[in-house]
Amino acid sequence: MSKDTAILRAMEDAARKSGYKVRWDKGQFRGGSCTLEGSKMIVLNRHHPIEVHLGVLARTLKEVPLEKISIRKGMRRHVESIIQKYSSE
C-alpha cells in the first residue's frame, strides 16, 4: 500500500468516526460532502485520482475536531498535513 493510499484510508476512517458515510461511486461528478435525509455523506468518484479524493476528504474534515477522533499516531500528522494543504485552496 502506498503512503497516499494509507493516508486516504486513515482519512476515510476519521470521516466515518465523525459520523460521515463514505460512498465511492462512478459518474460525472467531482465529489464532495452533503447531508442527505439527515445522514452526513461524502461521495468520492472512483474514476478520479487519489489527489482528488484526498482533497474532498480534507475539505470536509477541516470542519471536524480531529483531536476527539482516534487516528494512529504516525498517521495523524500526515492527515493533519493533508487537511492543511487542501484547506488553503
N, C-alpha and C. Protein backbone atom coordinates (compact mmCIF):
# COMPACT_ATOMS: atom_id res chain seq x y z
N MET A 1 0.85 -1.18 0.00
CA MET A 1 0.00 0.00 0.00
C MET A 1 0.90 1.24 0.00
N SER A 2 0.60 2.17 -0.90
CA SER A 2 1.40 3.39 -0.96
C SER A 2 1.08 4.31 0.22
N LYS A 3 1.96 5.28 0.44
CA LYS A 3 1.77 6.23 1.54
C LYS A 3 0.47 7.01 1.35
N ASP A 4 0.21 7.48 0.11
CA ASP A 4 -1.03 8.23 -0.16
C ASP A 4 -2.27 7.38 0.09
N THR A 5 -2.20 6.11 -0.28
CA THR A 5 -3.35 5.21 -0.05
C THR A 5 -3.57 5.02 1.44
N ALA A 6 -2.50 4.88 2.21
CA ALA A 6 -2.63 4.72 3.67
C ALA A 6 -3.24 5.98 4.29
N ILE A 7 -2.82 7.15 3.81
CA ILE A 7 -3.39 8.41 4.31
C ILE A 7 -4.87 8.50 3.94
N LEU A 8 -5.19 8.12 2.70
CA LEU A 8 -6.59 8.13 2.26
C LEU A 8 -7.44 7.24 3.15
N ARG A 9 -6.97 6.06 3.45
CA ARG A 9 -7.71 5.12 4.33
C ARG A 9 -7.87 5.72 5.73
N ALA A 10 -6.84 6.35 6.24
CA ALA A 10 -6.92 6.97 7.57
C ALA A 10 -7.93 8.12 7.56
N MET A 11 -7.97 8.89 6.47
CA MET A 11 -8.93 9.98 6.37
C MET A 11 -10.36 9.47 6.24
N GLU A 12 -10.54 8.40 5.47
CA GLU A 12 -11.87 7.77 5.36
C GLU A 12 -12.33 7.30 6.74
N ASP A 13 -11.43 6.67 7.47
CA ASP A 13 -11.75 6.16 8.80
C ASP A 13 -12.13 7.31 9.74
N ALA A 14 -11.38 8.41 9.67
CA ALA A 14 -11.68 9.58 10.51
C ALA A 14 -13.05 10.15 10.16
N ALA A 15 -13.36 10.19 8.87
CA ALA A 15 -14.66 10.70 8.44
C ALA A 15 -15.78 9.81 8.98
N ARG A 16 -15.60 8.51 8.90
CA ARG A 16 -16.62 7.59 9.42
C ARG A 16 -16.78 7.75 10.93
N LYS A 17 -15.68 7.87 11.63
CA LYS A 17 -15.72 8.03 13.09
C LYS A 17 -16.39 9.34 13.50
N SER A 18 -16.38 10.32 12.60
CA SER A 18 -17.01 11.60 12.92
C SER A 18 -18.45 11.68 12.43
N GLY A 19 -18.97 10.53 11.97
CA GLY A 19 -20.39 10.47 11.63
C GLY A 19 -20.73 10.53 10.15
N TYR A 20 -19.74 10.56 9.28
CA TYR A 20 -20.00 10.58 7.84
C TYR A 20 -20.07 9.16 7.29
N LYS A 21 -20.93 8.98 6.30
CA LYS A 21 -20.91 7.77 5.49
C LYS A 21 -20.07 8.11 4.27
N VAL A 22 -19.10 7.26 3.94
CA VAL A 22 -18.24 7.50 2.79
C VAL A 22 -18.68 6.55 1.69
N ARG A 23 -19.01 7.13 0.54
CA ARG A 23 -19.52 6.33 -0.58
C ARG A 23 -18.63 6.56 -1.80
N TRP A 24 -18.26 5.47 -2.44
CA TRP A 24 -17.49 5.51 -3.67
C TRP A 24 -18.44 5.18 -4.81
N ASP A 25 -18.43 6.02 -5.86
CA ASP A 25 -19.36 5.80 -6.97
C ASP A 25 -18.69 6.24 -8.27
N LYS A 26 -19.35 5.94 -9.38
CA LYS A 26 -18.87 6.34 -10.70
C LYS A 26 -19.86 7.34 -11.27
N GLY A 27 -19.38 8.20 -12.14
CA GLY A 27 -20.26 9.15 -12.78
C GLY A 27 -19.52 10.41 -13.16
N GLN A 28 -20.27 11.39 -13.58
CA GLN A 28 -19.69 12.67 -13.99
C GLN A 28 -19.90 13.69 -12.89
N PHE A 29 -19.15 13.54 -11.83
CA PHE A 29 -19.20 14.47 -10.70
C PHE A 29 -17.82 14.53 -10.07
N ARG A 30 -17.57 15.61 -9.38
CA ARG A 30 -16.26 15.81 -8.74
C ARG A 30 -16.17 15.09 -7.41
N GLY A 31 -17.22 15.10 -6.66
CA GLY A 31 -17.22 14.53 -5.32
C GLY A 31 -17.36 15.63 -4.30
N GLY A 32 -17.78 15.28 -3.12
CA GLY A 32 -17.94 16.26 -2.07
C GLY A 32 -18.76 15.71 -0.92
N SER A 33 -19.14 16.60 -0.02
CA SER A 33 -19.93 16.18 1.14
C SER A 33 -21.29 16.86 1.10
N CYS A 34 -22.25 16.21 1.73
CA CYS A 34 -23.60 16.75 1.80
C CYS A 34 -24.35 16.05 2.93
N THR A 35 -25.54 16.52 3.20
CA THR A 35 -26.44 15.85 4.13
C THR A 35 -27.63 15.38 3.32
N LEU A 36 -27.90 14.09 3.35
CA LEU A 36 -28.99 13.50 2.59
C LEU A 36 -29.92 12.78 3.56
N GLU A 37 -31.13 13.27 3.65
CA GLU A 37 -32.14 12.70 4.54
C GLU A 37 -31.60 12.54 5.96
N GLY A 38 -30.89 13.56 6.42
CA GLY A 38 -30.38 13.57 7.79
C GLY A 38 -29.06 12.84 7.99
N SER A 39 -28.53 12.21 6.96
CA SER A 39 -27.25 11.50 7.07
C SER A 39 -26.14 12.32 6.41
N LYS A 40 -25.03 12.48 7.14
CA LYS A 40 -23.88 13.18 6.57
C LYS A 40 -23.16 12.21 5.64
N MET A 41 -22.89 12.65 4.40
CA MET A 41 -22.26 11.78 3.41
C MET A 41 -21.09 12.47 2.73
N ILE A 42 -20.12 11.66 2.36
CA ILE A 42 -19.03 12.10 1.49
C ILE A 42 -19.06 11.14 0.30
N VAL A 43 -19.13 11.70 -0.90
CA VAL A 43 -19.17 10.89 -2.11
C VAL A 43 -17.88 11.12 -2.88
N LEU A 44 -17.20 10.02 -3.19
CA LEU A 44 -15.93 10.06 -3.93
C LEU A 44 -16.12 9.37 -5.27
N ASN A 45 -15.56 9.95 -6.32
CA ASN A 45 -15.67 9.39 -7.67
C ASN A 45 -14.52 8.40 -7.90
N ARG A 46 -14.88 7.17 -8.20
CA ARG A 46 -13.89 6.10 -8.42
C ARG A 46 -12.93 6.41 -9.57
N HIS A 47 -13.36 7.22 -10.52
CA HIS A 47 -12.55 7.49 -11.71
C HIS A 47 -11.51 8.58 -11.49
N HIS A 48 -11.58 9.29 -10.40
CA HIS A 48 -10.64 10.38 -10.15
C HIS A 48 -9.38 9.90 -9.45
N PRO A 49 -8.30 10.63 -9.62
CA PRO A 49 -7.04 10.23 -8.96
C PRO A 49 -7.10 10.44 -7.45
N ILE A 50 -6.19 9.82 -6.76
CA ILE A 50 -6.16 9.86 -5.30
C ILE A 50 -6.05 11.28 -4.75
N GLU A 51 -5.38 12.16 -5.48
CA GLU A 51 -5.23 13.55 -5.03
C GLU A 51 -6.59 14.23 -4.90
N VAL A 52 -7.51 13.93 -5.80
CA VAL A 52 -8.86 14.50 -5.74
C VAL A 52 -9.60 13.95 -4.52
N HIS A 53 -9.46 12.66 -4.26
CA HIS A 53 -10.10 12.05 -3.09
C HIS A 53 -9.58 12.68 -1.80
N LEU A 54 -8.26 12.86 -1.73
CA LEU A 54 -7.66 13.49 -0.55
C LEU A 54 -8.20 14.90 -0.35
N GLY A 55 -8.34 15.64 -1.45
CA GLY A 55 -8.87 17.00 -1.37
C GLY A 55 -10.30 17.05 -0.87
N VAL A 56 -11.14 16.15 -1.39
CA VAL A 56 -12.55 16.10 -0.97
C VAL A 56 -12.63 15.78 0.53
N LEU A 57 -11.89 14.78 0.96
CA LEU A 57 -11.91 14.42 2.38
C LEU A 57 -11.33 15.54 3.25
N ALA A 58 -10.26 16.17 2.79
CA ALA A 58 -9.62 17.24 3.57
C ALA A 58 -10.57 18.42 3.76
N ARG A 59 -11.27 18.82 2.70
CA ARG A 59 -12.18 19.96 2.82
C ARG A 59 -13.33 19.66 3.77
N THR A 60 -13.72 18.41 3.87
CA THR A 60 -14.77 18.03 4.81
C THR A 60 -14.22 17.94 6.23
N LEU A 61 -13.07 17.30 6.38
CA LEU A 61 -12.51 17.06 7.71
C LEU A 61 -11.97 18.32 8.38
N LYS A 62 -11.74 19.39 7.60
CA LYS A 62 -11.24 20.61 8.24
C LYS A 62 -12.25 21.18 9.22
N GLU A 63 -13.52 20.79 9.10
CA GLU A 63 -14.57 21.26 10.00
C GLU A 63 -14.78 20.32 11.19
N VAL A 64 -14.04 19.23 11.24
CA VAL A 64 -14.20 18.21 12.27
C VAL A 64 -13.11 18.35 13.33
N PRO A 65 -13.47 18.32 14.62
CA PRO A 65 -12.44 18.37 15.67
C PRO A 65 -11.70 17.03 15.76
N LEU A 66 -10.60 16.93 15.03
CA LEU A 66 -9.87 15.65 14.93
C LEU A 66 -9.26 15.19 16.25
N GLU A 67 -9.03 16.11 17.18
CA GLU A 67 -8.44 15.70 18.46
C GLU A 67 -9.35 14.75 19.22
N LYS A 68 -10.63 14.70 18.86
CA LYS A 68 -11.58 13.80 19.53
C LYS A 68 -11.71 12.47 18.82
N ILE A 69 -10.99 12.30 17.71
CA ILE A 69 -11.08 11.08 16.90
C ILE A 69 -9.78 10.30 17.01
N SER A 70 -9.92 9.00 17.19
CA SER A 70 -8.76 8.12 17.29
C SER A 70 -8.16 7.89 15.90
N ILE A 71 -6.94 8.38 15.72
CA ILE A 71 -6.17 8.16 14.49
C ILE A 71 -4.80 7.69 14.92
N ARG A 72 -4.28 6.67 14.25
CA ARG A 72 -2.93 6.20 14.59
C ARG A 72 -1.96 7.36 14.66
N LYS A 73 -1.13 7.37 15.67
CA LYS A 73 -0.23 8.49 15.93
C LYS A 73 0.60 8.87 14.70
N GLY A 74 1.19 7.90 14.04
CA GLY A 74 2.00 8.19 12.86
C GLY A 74 1.20 8.74 11.70
N MET A 75 -0.05 8.37 11.60
CA MET A 75 -0.92 8.84 10.51
C MET A 75 -1.50 10.21 10.81
N ARG A 76 -1.73 10.51 12.07
CA ARG A 76 -2.37 11.78 12.44
C ARG A 76 -1.62 12.97 11.83
N ARG A 77 -0.30 12.96 11.92
CA ARG A 77 0.49 14.06 11.38
C ARG A 77 0.28 14.21 9.88
N HIS A 78 0.24 13.08 9.16
CA HIS A 78 0.03 13.11 7.71
C HIS A 78 -1.38 13.61 7.37
N VAL A 79 -2.37 13.13 8.10
CA VAL A 79 -3.76 13.54 7.87
C VAL A 79 -3.89 15.05 8.10
N GLU A 80 -3.34 15.54 9.20
CA GLU A 80 -3.43 16.98 9.50
C GLU A 80 -2.69 17.80 8.45
N SER A 81 -1.58 17.29 7.94
CA SER A 81 -0.82 17.98 6.89
C SER A 81 -1.63 18.08 5.59
N ILE A 82 -2.29 17.00 5.22
CA ILE A 82 -3.12 17.00 4.01
C ILE A 82 -4.29 17.96 4.16
N ILE A 83 -4.92 17.94 5.33
CA ILE A 83 -6.05 18.86 5.58
C ILE A 83 -5.56 20.30 5.47
N GLN A 84 -4.42 20.60 6.05
CA GLN A 84 -3.85 21.96 5.97
C GLN A 84 -3.58 22.35 4.51
N LYS A 85 -3.00 21.43 3.76
CA LYS A 85 -2.67 21.70 2.35
C LYS A 85 -3.92 22.03 1.54
N TYR A 86 -4.95 21.22 1.66
CA TYR A 86 -6.15 21.41 0.84
C TYR A 86 -7.09 22.47 1.39
N SER A 87 -6.96 22.83 2.64
CA SER A 87 -7.82 23.85 3.23
C SER A 87 -7.48 25.23 2.71
N SER A 88 -6.26 25.41 2.27
CA SER A 88 -5.85 26.74 1.79
C SER A 88 -6.22 26.96 0.33
N GLU A 89 -6.77 25.95 -0.33
CA GLU A 89 -7.16 26.09 -1.75
C GLU A 89 -8.51 26.73 -1.88
